[in-house]
PDB file of N, CA and C in Angstrom:
ATOM      1  N   UNK A   1     -94.650 -97.163  27.926  1.00  0.00           N
ATOM      2  CA  UNK A   1     -94.560 -98.135  26.739  1.00  0.00           C
ATOM      3  C   UNK A   1     -93.143 -98.340  26.731  1.00  0.00           C
ATOM      4  N   UNK A   2     -92.133 -97.500  27.457  1.00  0.00           N
ATOM      5  CA  UNK A   2     -90.835 -97.816  28.177  1.00  0.00           C
ATOM      6  C   UNK A   2     -91.334 -99.374  28.934  1.00  0.00           C
ATOM      7  N   UNK A   3     -91.999 -99.142  29.990  1.00  0.00           N
ATOM      8  CA  UNK A   3     -92.408-100.844  30.621  1.00  0.00           C
ATOM      9  C   UNK A   3     -92.635-101.991  30.335  1.00  0.00           C
ATOM     10  N   UNK A   4     -93.192-101.703  29.255  1.00  0.00           N
ATOM     11  CA  UNK A   4     -94.039-102.498  27.940  1.00  0.00           C
ATOM     12  C   UNK A   4     -92.513-103.309  27.403  1.00  0.00           C
ATOM     13  N   UNK A   5     -92.040-102.579  27.028  1.00  0.00           N
ATOM     14  CA  UNK A   5     -90.739-102.718  26.418  1.00  0.00           C
ATOM     15  C   UNK A   5     -89.541-104.277  26.950  1.00  0.00           C
ATOM     16  N   UNK A   6     -89.785-103.323  28.248  1.00  0.00           N
ATOM     17  CA  UNK A   6     -89.114-103.605  29.381  1.00  0.00           C
ATOM     18  C   UNK A   6     -89.643-105.666  29.814  1.00  0.00           C
ATOM     19  N   UNK A   7     -90.639-105.669  30.073  1.00  0.00           N
ATOM     20  CA  UNK A   7     -91.422-106.292  29.911  1.00  0.00           C
ATOM     21  C   UNK A   7     -91.357-107.425  28.834  1.00  0.00           C
ATOM     22  N   UNK A   8     -91.187-106.970  28.004  1.00  0.00           N
ATOM     23  CA  UNK A   8     -91.469-107.720  26.711  1.00  0.00           C
ATOM     24  C   UNK A   8     -89.451-108.883  26.838  1.00  0.00           C
ATOM     25  N   UNK A   9     -88.782-107.027  26.948  1.00  0.00           N
ATOM     26  CA  UNK A   9     -87.501-108.080  26.491  1.00  0.00           C
ATOM     27  C   UNK A   9     -86.944-109.232  27.940  1.00  0.00           C
ATOM     28  N   UNK A  10     -87.977-108.950  29.059  1.00  0.00           N
ATOM     29  CA  UNK A  10     -87.398-109.569  30.283  1.00  0.00           C
ATOM     30  C   UNK A  10     -88.317-111.230  29.748  1.00  0.00           C
ATOM     31  N   UNK A  11     -89.033-111.163  28.855  1.00  0.00           N
ATOM     32  CA  UNK A  11     -89.923-112.431  28.712  1.00  0.00           C
ATOM     33  C   UNK A  11     -88.950-112.988  27.436  1.00  0.00           C
ATOM     34  N   UNK A  12     -88.185-112.152  26.641  1.00  0.00           N
ATOM     35  CA  UNK A  12     -87.339-113.161  25.793  1.00  0.00           C
ATOM     36  C   UNK A  12     -85.924-113.477  26.532  1.00  0.00           C
ATOM     37  N   UNK A  13     -85.373-112.789  27.697  1.00  0.00           N
ATOM     38  CA  UNK A  13     -84.648-113.666  28.162  1.00  0.00           C
ATOM     39  C   UNK A  13     -84.909-114.094  29.166  1.00  0.00           C
ATOM     40  N   UNK A  14     -86.411-114.638  29.703  1.00  0.00           N
ATOM     41  CA  UNK A  14     -86.492-115.901  30.212  1.00  0.00           C
ATOM     42  C   UNK A  14     -85.858-116.907  29.377  1.00  0.00           C
ATOM     43  N   UNK A  15     -87.024-116.896  28.187  1.00  0.00           N
ATOM     44  CA  UNK A  15     -87.586-118.132  27.088  1.00  0.00           C
ATOM     45  C   UNK A  15     -85.609-118.182  26.363  1.00  0.00           C
ATOM     46  N   UNK A  16     -85.075-117.716  26.797  1.00  0.00           N
ATOM     47  CA  UNK A  16     -83.234-117.598  25.911  1.00  0.00           C
ATOM     48  C   UNK A  16     -83.034-118.568  27.089  1.00  0.00           C
ATOM     49  N   UNK A  17     -82.762-118.307  28.855  1.00  0.00           N
ATOM     50  CA  UNK A  17     -82.477-118.850  29.635  1.00  0.00           C
ATOM     51  C   UNK A  17     -83.025-120.589  29.443  1.00  0.00           C
ATOM     52  N   UNK A  18     -84.446-120.340  29.718  1.00  0.00           N
ATOM     53  CA  UNK A  18     -84.825-122.117  29.110  1.00  0.00           C
ATOM     54  C   UNK A  18     -84.476-122.814  28.071  1.00  0.00           C
ATOM     55  N   UNK A  19     -84.257-122.139  26.824  1.00  0.00           N
ATOM     56  CA  UNK A  19     -83.789-122.931  25.881  1.00  0.00           C
ATOM     57  C   UNK A  19     -82.207-123.352  25.971  1.00  0.00           C
ATOM     58  N   UNK A  20     -81.445-122.777  26.631  1.00  0.00           N
ATOM     59  CA  UNK A  20     -80.045-122.614  26.971  1.00  0.00           C
ATOM     60  C   UNK A  20     -80.211-123.833  27.641  1.00  0.00           C
ATOM     61  N   UNK A  21     -80.670-124.242  29.138  1.00  0.00           N
ATOM     62  CA  UNK A  21     -81.059-125.412  29.845  1.00  0.00           C
ATOM     63  C   UNK A  21     -81.278-126.433  29.129  1.00  0.00           C
ATOM     64  N   UNK A  22     -82.624-126.108  27.986  1.00  0.00           N
ATOM     65  CA  UNK A  22     -82.746-127.350  28.135  1.00  0.00           C
ATOM     66  C   UNK A  22     -81.948-128.383  26.716  1.00  0.00           C
ATOM     67  N   UNK A  23     -80.910-127.763  25.993  1.00  0.00           N
ATOM     68  CA  UNK A  23     -80.277-127.714  25.509  1.00  0.00           C
ATOM     69  C   UNK A  23     -78.722-128.465  26.398  1.00  0.00           C
ATOM     70  N   UNK A  24     -78.252-127.564  27.388  1.00  0.00           N
ATOM     71  CA  UNK A  24     -77.592-128.354  28.304  1.00  0.00           C
ATOM     72  C   UNK A  24     -78.177-129.756  28.756  1.00  0.00           C
ATOM     73  N   UNK A  25     -79.229-129.388  29.247  1.00  0.00           N
ATOM     74  CA  UNK A  25     -79.576-130.887  30.394  1.00  0.00           C
ATOM     75  C   UNK A  25     -79.474-131.858  28.757  1.00  0.00           C
ATOM     76  N   UNK A  26     -79.918-131.596  27.717  1.00  0.00           N
ATOM     77  CA  UNK A  26     -80.194-132.770  27.054  1.00  0.00           C
ATOM     78  C   UNK A  26     -79.020-133.272  26.375  1.00  0.00           C
ATOM     79  N   UNK A  27     -78.001-132.626  26.487  1.00  0.00           N
ATOM     80  CA  UNK A  27     -76.293-132.716  26.351  1.00  0.00           C
ATOM     81  C   UNK A  27     -75.957-133.918  27.763  1.00  0.00           C
ATOM     82  N   UNK A  28     -76.335-133.255  28.443  1.00  0.00           N
ATOM     83  CA  UNK A  28     -76.057-133.721  29.982  1.00  0.00           C
ATOM     84  C   UNK A  28     -76.627-135.510  29.925  1.00  0.00           C
ATOM     85  N   UNK A  29     -77.746-135.697  29.364  1.00  0.00           N
ATOM     86  CA  UNK A  29     -79.237-137.487  29.246  1.00  0.00           C
ATOM     87  C   UNK A  29     -78.054-137.661  28.096  1.00  0.00           C
ATOM     88  N   UNK A  30     -77.913-136.846  27.154  1.00  0.00           N
ATOM     89  CA  UNK A  30     -77.365-137.875  25.749  1.00  0.00           C
ATOM     90  C   UNK A  30     -75.850-138.317  25.890  1.00  0.00           C
ATOM     91  N   UNK A  31     -75.190-137.428  26.852  1.00  0.00           N
ATOM     92  CA  UNK A  31     -73.586-138.378  27.606  1.00  0.00           C
ATOM     93  C   UNK A  31     -73.354-139.187  28.284  1.00  0.00           C
ATOM     94  N   UNK A  32     -74.874-139.406  29.128  1.00  0.00           N
ATOM     95  CA  UNK A  32     -75.363-140.181  30.379  1.00  0.00           C
ATOM     96  C   UNK A  32     -74.574-139.579  31.670  1.00  0.00           C
ATOM     97  N   UNK A  33     -74.489-138.405  31.142  1.00  0.00           N
ATOM     98  CA  UNK A  33     -73.794-137.736  33.207  1.00  0.00           C
ATOM     99  C   UNK A  33     -75.168-137.886  33.798  1.00  0.00           C
ATOM    100  N   UNK A  34     -76.246-137.749  33.327  1.00  0.00           N
ATOM    101  CA  UNK A  34     -77.645-137.444  33.759  1.00  0.00           C
ATOM    102  C   UNK A  34     -78.327-138.447  33.413  1.00  0.00           C
ATOM    103  N   UNK A  35     -79.354-139.593  34.570  1.00  0.00           N
ATOM    104  CA  UNK A  35     -79.931-140.580  33.571  1.00  0.00           C
ATOM    105  C   UNK A  35     -81.168-139.853  34.259  1.00  0.00           C
ATOM    106  N   UNK A  36     -82.346-140.716  32.696  1.00  0.00           N
ATOM    107  CA  UNK A  36     -83.721-140.210  33.113  1.00  0.00           C
ATOM    108  C   UNK A  36     -84.493-140.669  34.183  1.00  0.00           C
ATOM    109  N   UNK A  37     -83.661-141.622  34.672  1.00  0.00           N
ATOM    110  CA  UNK A  37     -84.206-142.922  35.584  1.00  0.00           C
ATOM    111  C   UNK A  37     -84.567-142.234  36.940  1.00  0.00           C
ATOM    112  N   UNK A  38     -83.525-141.270  37.306  1.00  0.00           N
ATOM    113  CA  UNK A  38     -83.929-140.601  38.186  1.00  0.00           C
ATOM    114  C   UNK A  38     -85.059-139.033  38.214  1.00  0.00           C
ATOM    115  N   UNK A  39     -85.753-140.048  39.503  1.00  0.00           N
ATOM    116  CA  UNK A  39     -87.343-139.239  39.193  1.00  0.00           C
ATOM    117  C   UNK A  39     -86.756-137.600  39.112  1.00  0.00           C
ATOM    118  N   UNK A  40     -86.104-136.641  39.771  1.00  0.00           N
ATOM    119  CA  UNK A  40     -85.933-135.111  39.604  1.00  0.00           C
ATOM    120  C   UNK A  40     -85.763-134.960  38.104  1.00  0.00           C
ATOM    121  N   UNK A  41     -84.713-135.438  37.623  1.00  0.00           N
ATOM    122  CA  UNK A  41     -84.370-135.214  36.092  1.00  0.00           C
ATOM    123  C   UNK A  41     -85.348-135.424  35.450  1.00  0.00           C
ATOM    124  N   UNK A  42     -85.859-136.320  35.262  1.00  0.00           N
ATOM    125  CA  UNK A  42     -87.183-136.486  34.707  1.00  0.00           C
ATOM    126  C   UNK A  42     -88.652-135.675  34.725  1.00  0.00           C
ATOM    127  N   UNK A  43     -88.447-135.353  35.832  1.00  0.00           N
ATOM    128  CA  UNK A  43     -89.586-134.022  36.084  1.00  0.00           C
ATOM    129  C   UNK A  43     -88.974-132.929  35.479  1.00  0.00           C
ATOM    130  N   UNK A  44     -88.059-132.717  35.486  1.00  0.00           N
ATOM    131  CA  UNK A  44     -87.396-131.477  34.941  1.00  0.00           C
ATOM    132  C   UNK A  44     -87.475-131.306  33.309  1.00  0.00           C
ATOM    133  N   UNK A  45     -86.756-132.765  33.097  1.00  0.00           N
ATOM    134  CA  UNK A  45     -87.019-132.810  31.688  1.00  0.00           C
ATOM    135  C   UNK A  45     -88.244-132.884  30.752  1.00  0.00           C
ATOM    136  N   UNK A  46     -89.047-133.568  31.180  1.00  0.00           N
ATOM    137  CA  UNK A  46     -90.236-133.429  31.303  1.00  0.00           C
ATOM    138  C   UNK A  46     -91.111-132.227  31.008  1.00  0.00           C
ATOM    139  N   UNK A  47     -90.803-131.304  32.084  1.00  0.00           N
ATOM    140  CA  UNK A  47     -91.248-129.909  32.505  1.00  0.00           C
ATOM    141  C   UNK A  47     -90.740-128.971  31.237  1.00  0.00           C
ATOM    142  N   UNK A  48     -89.704-129.230  30.905  1.00  0.00           N
ATOM    143  CA  UNK A  48     -88.702-128.338  29.838  1.00  0.00           C
ATOM    144  C   UNK A  48     -89.539-128.630  28.551  1.00  0.00           C
ATOM    145  N   UNK A  49     -89.903-129.927  27.847  1.00  0.00           N
ATOM    146  CA  UNK A  49     -90.137-130.511  27.140  1.00  0.00           C
ATOM    147  C   UNK A  49     -91.290-129.535  27.216  1.00  0.00           C
ATOM    148  N   UNK A  50     -92.496-130.122  27.601  1.00  0.00           N
ATOM    149  CA  UNK A  50     -93.654-129.639  27.479  1.00  0.00           C
ATOM    150  C   UNK A  50     -94.374-128.075  27.606  1.00  0.00           C
ATOM    151  N   UNK A  51     -92.968-127.071  28.261  1.00  0.00           N
ATOM    152  CA  UNK A  51     -92.704-125.750  27.952  1.00  0.00           C
ATOM    153  C   UNK A  51     -92.590-125.568  26.460  1.00  0.00           C
ATOM    154  N   UNK A  52     -91.159-125.945  25.808  1.00  0.00           N
ATOM    155  CA  UNK A  52     -90.732-125.860  24.760  1.00  0.00           C
ATOM    156  C   UNK A  52     -91.097-126.628  23.599  1.00  0.00           C
ATOM    157  N   UNK A  53     -91.972-127.506  23.747  1.00  0.00           N
ATOM    158  CA  UNK A  53     -92.459-128.262  22.457  1.00  0.00           C
ATOM    159  C   UNK A  53     -93.176-127.245  21.479  1.00  0.00           C
ATOM    160  N   UNK A  54     -93.781-126.851  21.799  1.00  0.00           N
ATOM    161  CA  UNK A  54     -94.945-125.937  21.010  1.00  0.00           C
ATOM    162  C   UNK A  54     -94.210-124.969  20.133  1.00  0.00           C
ATOM    163  N   UNK A  55     -92.959-124.355  20.746  1.00  0.00           N
ATOM    164  CA  UNK A  55     -92.087-123.484  19.989  1.00  0.00           C
ATOM    165  C   UNK A  55     -91.239-124.882  19.333  1.00  0.00           C
ATOM    166  N   UNK A  56     -90.858-125.662  19.491  1.00  0.00           N
ATOM    167  CA  UNK A  56     -89.657-126.262  18.628  1.00  0.00           C
ATOM    168  C   UNK A  56     -90.292-127.016  17.291  1.00  0.00           C
ATOM    169  N   UNK A  57     -91.616-127.332  17.656  1.00  0.00           N
ATOM    170  CA  UNK A  57     -92.742-127.862  16.765  1.00  0.00           C
ATOM    171  C   UNK A  57     -93.299-127.487  15.432  1.00  0.00           C
ATOM    172  N   UNK A  58     -93.167-126.007  15.761  1.00  0.00           N
ATOM    173  CA  UNK A  58     -93.729-124.781  14.638  1.00  0.00           C
ATOM    174  C   UNK A  58     -92.316-124.754  13.714  1.00  0.00           C
ATOM    175  N   UNK A  59     -90.640-125.240  14.545  1.00  0.00           N
ATOM    176  CA  UNK A  59     -90.410-124.743  13.598  1.00  0.00           C
ATOM    177  C   UNK A  59     -89.396-125.917  13.317  1.00  0.00           C
ATOM    178  N   UNK A  60     -89.980-127.500  13.617  1.00  0.00           N
ATOM    179  CA  UNK A  60     -89.547-128.530  12.655  1.00  0.00           C
ATOM    180  C   UNK A  60     -90.128-128.538  11.576  1.00  0.00           C
ATOM    181  N   UNK A  61     -91.525-128.242  11.814  1.00  0.00           N
ATOM    182  CA  UNK A  61     -91.999-128.110  10.656  1.00  0.00           C
ATOM    183  C   UNK A  61     -91.883-127.631   9.467  1.00  0.00           C
ATOM    184  N   UNK A  62     -91.251-126.268   9.723  1.00  0.00           N
ATOM    185  CA  UNK A  62     -90.285-125.812   8.242  1.00  0.00           C
ATOM    186  C   UNK A  62     -88.688-126.030   8.315  1.00  0.00           C
ATOM    187  N   UNK A  63     -88.483-126.466   8.950  1.00  0.00           N
ATOM    188  CA  UNK A  63     -86.959-127.051   8.800  1.00  0.00           C
ATOM    189  C   UNK A  63     -87.135-128.400   8.184  1.00  0.00           C
ATOM    190  N   UNK A  64     -86.524-129.052   6.914  1.00  0.00           N
ATOM    191  CA  UNK A  64     -86.417-129.787   6.322  1.00  0.00           C
ATOM    192  C   UNK A  64     -85.313-130.911   7.902  1.00  0.00           C
ATOM    193  N   UNK A  65     -85.755-132.404   6.877  1.00  0.00           N
ATOM    194  CA  UNK A  65     -85.360-133.370   8.130  1.00  0.00           C
ATOM    195  C   UNK A  65     -83.512-133.624   7.863  1.00  0.00           C
ATOM    196  N   UNK A  66     -83.054-132.988   8.696  1.00  0.00           N
ATOM    197  CA  UNK A  66     -81.445-132.951   9.221  1.00  0.00           C
ATOM    198  C   UNK A  66     -80.810-134.509   9.300  1.00  0.00           C
ATOM    199  N   UNK A  67     -81.265-135.329   9.416  1.00  0.00           N
ATOM    200  CA  UNK A  67     -81.244-136.867   9.830  1.00  0.00           C
ATOM    201  C   UNK A  67     -80.592-137.172  10.822  1.00  0.00           C
ATOM    202  N   UNK A  68     -81.084-136.431  12.084  1.00  0.00           N
ATOM    203  CA  UNK A  68     -81.339-137.109  13.060  1.00  0.00           C
ATOM    204  C   UNK A  68     -80.523-135.374  14.182  1.00  0.00           C
ATOM    205  N   UNK A  69     -80.492-134.013  13.805  1.00  0.00           N
ATOM    206  CA  UNK A  69     -79.727-133.457  14.011  1.00  0.00           C
ATOM    207  C   UNK A  69     -80.905-132.328  14.390  1.00  0.00           C
ATOM    208  N   UNK A  70     -81.084-132.044  15.389  1.00  0.00           N
ATOM    209  CA  UNK A  70     -82.188-131.126  15.379  1.00  0.00           C
ATOM    210  C   UNK A  70     -82.236-129.575  15.857  1.00  0.00           C
ATOM    211  N   UNK A  71     -82.303-128.642  15.113  1.00  0.00           N
ATOM    212  CA  UNK A  71     -81.356-127.566  14.845  1.00  0.00           C
ATOM    213  C   UNK A  71     -82.612-126.550  15.054  1.00  0.00           C
ATOM    214  N   UNK A  72     -83.936-126.946  15.853  1.00  0.00           N
ATOM    215  CA  UNK A  72     -84.575-125.698  16.282  1.00  0.00           C
ATOM    216  C   UNK A  72     -84.486-125.109  17.654  1.00  0.00           C
ATOM    217  N   UNK A  73     -83.346-125.556  18.893  1.00  0.00           N
ATOM    218  CA  UNK A  73     -83.002-124.904  19.467  1.00  0.00           C
ATOM    219  C   UNK A  73     -82.384-123.733  18.876  1.00  0.00           C
ATOM    220  N   UNK A  74     -81.596-124.247  17.952  1.00  0.00           N
ATOM    221  CA  UNK A  74     -80.899-122.634  17.664  1.00  0.00           C
ATOM    222  C   UNK A  74     -81.823-122.077  17.261  1.00  0.00           C
ATOM    223  N   UNK A  75     -82.406-122.209  15.817  1.00  0.00           N
ATOM    224  CA  UNK A  75     -83.313-121.681  15.165  1.00  0.00           C
ATOM    225  C   UNK A  75     -83.902-120.718  16.191  1.00  0.00           C
ATOM    226  N   UNK A  76     -84.497-121.042  17.042  1.00  0.00           N
ATOM    227  CA  UNK A  76     -85.301-120.475  17.934  1.00  0.00           C
ATOM    228  C   UNK A  76     -84.522-119.354  19.055  1.00  0.00           C
ATOM    229  N   UNK A  77     -82.824-119.684  19.125  1.00  0.00           N
ATOM    230  CA  UNK A  77     -82.342-118.671  20.001  1.00  0.00           C
ATOM    231  C   UNK A  77     -81.847-117.209  18.865  1.00  0.00           C
ATOM    232  N   UNK A  78     -81.831-118.295  17.398  1.00  0.00           N
ATOM    233  CA  UNK A  78     -81.408-117.082  16.636  1.00  0.00           C
ATOM    234  C   UNK A  78     -82.512-115.726  16.507  1.00  0.00           C
ATOM    235  N   UNK A  79     -83.589-116.411  16.309  1.00  0.00           N
ATOM    236  CA  UNK A  79     -85.255-115.606  16.229  1.00  0.00           C
ATOM    237  C   UNK A  79     -85.119-114.718  17.116  1.00  0.00           C
ATOM    238  N   UNK A  80     -84.978-115.584  18.462  1.00  0.00           N
ATOM    239  CA  UNK A  80     -85.364-114.180  20.114  1.00  0.00           C
ATOM    240  C   UNK A  80     -84.172-113.099  19.611  1.00  0.00           C
ATOM    241  N   UNK A  81     -83.133-113.714  19.365  1.00  0.00           N
ATOM    242  CA  UNK A  81     -81.807-112.660  19.524  1.00  0.00           C
ATOM    243  C   UNK A  81     -82.286-111.062  18.449  1.00  0.00           C
ATOM    244  N   UNK A  82     -82.874-111.397  16.959  1.00  0.00           N
ATOM    245  CA  UNK A  82     -83.113-111.336  15.714  1.00  0.00           C
ATOM    246  C   UNK A  82     -84.797-109.822  16.674  1.00  0.00           C
ATOM    247  N   UNK A  83     -84.909-110.338  17.237  1.00  0.00           N
ATOM    248  CA  UNK A  83     -86.192-110.237  17.870  1.00  0.00           C
ATOM    249  C   UNK A  83     -85.925-108.832  18.797  1.00  0.00           C
ATOM    250  N   UNK A  84     -84.839-109.393  19.584  1.00  0.00           N
ATOM    251  CA  UNK A  84     -84.556-108.397  20.865  1.00  0.00           C
ATOM    252  C   UNK A  84     -83.676-107.244  19.725  1.00  0.00           C
ATOM    253  N   UNK A  85     -83.077-107.674  18.572  1.00  0.00           N
ATOM    254  CA  UNK A  85     -82.779-106.322  18.320  1.00  0.00           C
ATOM    255  C   UNK A  85     -83.353-105.470  17.144  1.00  0.00           C
ATOM    256  N   UNK A  86     -84.183-106.152  16.853  1.00  0.00           N
ATOM    257  CA  UNK A  86     -85.703-105.024  16.362  1.00  0.00           C
ATOM    258  C   UNK A  86     -86.056-104.734  17.287  1.00  0.00           C
ATOM    259  N   UNK A  87     -86.640-104.455  18.485  1.00  0.00           N
ATOM    260  CA  UNK A  87     -87.654-104.171  19.752  1.00  0.00           C
ATOM    261  C   UNK A  87     -86.202-102.987  20.262  1.00  0.00           C
ATOM    262  N   UNK A  88     -85.225-103.980  20.296  1.00  0.00           N
ATOM    263  CA  UNK A  88     -84.164-103.032  20.344  1.00  0.00           C
ATOM    264  C   UNK A  88     -83.786-101.442  19.739  1.00  0.00           C
ATOM    265  N   UNK A  89     -83.824-101.729  17.987  1.00  0.00           N
ATOM    266  CA  UNK A  89     -83.292-100.569  17.253  1.00  0.00           C
ATOM    267  C   UNK A  89     -84.158 -99.707  17.666  1.00  0.00           C
ATOM    268  N   UNK A  90     -85.898-100.635  17.358  1.00  0.00           N
ATOM    269  CA  UNK A  90     -87.196 -99.702  17.312  1.00  0.00           C
ATOM    270  C   UNK A  90     -88.237 -99.197  18.906  1.00  0.00           C
ATOM    271  N   UNK A  91     -87.087 -99.102  19.766  1.00  0.00           N
ATOM    272  CA  UNK A  91     -87.434 -98.851  20.594  1.00  0.00           C
ATOM    273  C   UNK A  91     -87.654 -97.165  21.277  1.00  0.00           C
ATOM    274  N   UNK A  92     -87.018 -96.494  20.404  1.00  0.00           N
ATOM    275  CA  UNK A  92     -87.221 -94.570  20.533  1.00  0.00           C
ATOM    276  C   UNK A  92     -88.626 -94.051  19.886  1.00  0.00           C
ATOM    277  N   UNK A  93     -88.386 -95.049  18.714  1.00  0.00           N
ATOM    278  CA  UNK A  93     -89.509 -94.767  17.752  1.00  0.00           C
ATOM    279  C   UNK A  93     -91.112 -94.968  18.359  1.00  0.00           C
ATOM    280  N   UNK A  94     -91.012 -96.063  19.205  1.00  0.00           N
ATOM    281  CA  UNK A  94     -92.059 -96.727  19.725  1.00  0.00           C
ATOM    282  C   UNK A  94     -92.364 -96.234  21.121  1.00  0.00           C
ATOM    283  N   UNK A  95     -91.369 -95.644  21.663  1.00  0.00           N
ATOM    284  CA  UNK A  95     -91.732 -94.695  22.720  1.00  0.00           C
ATOM    285  C   UNK A  95     -92.310 -93.623  22.647  1.00  0.00           C
ATOM    286  N   UNK A  96     -91.774 -92.602  21.515  1.00  0.00           N
ATOM    287  CA  UNK A  96     -92.014 -91.312  21.037  1.00  0.00           C
ATOM    288  C   UNK A  96     -92.820 -91.121  20.392  1.00  0.00           C
ATOM    289  N   UNK A  97     -93.819 -92.377  19.558  1.00  0.00           N
ATOM    290  CA  UNK A  97     -95.106 -92.652  19.478  1.00  0.00           C
ATOM    291  C   UNK A  97     -96.132 -92.149  20.346  1.00  0.00           C
ATOM    292  N   UNK A  98     -96.261 -92.410  21.524  1.00  0.00           N
ATOM    293  CA  UNK A  98     -97.299 -92.399  22.464  1.00  0.00           C
ATOM    294  C   UNK A  98     -97.120 -90.786  23.316  1.00  0.00           C
TER     295      UNK A  98
END
């Protein structure tokens, strides 16, 4: 059971990292440091959007319209952090149950 908890934590860490990269890349694109005309940037941006849009879409349906401010990444990061806390605090109980 300990291995399963570590794998879940690893997956949460990877998702956390991908969301952070997506946020930073969106800032770089919006401030015109990077351009979507560059094929590598465009492919990377499209790939990140394809991976994260299913998660963001569910969150955006619940959030009210904020007038151009997208809080979905922030809500996702808070959710991942909360899930990590829940798993860490309940890990001894889950491991002891086996």
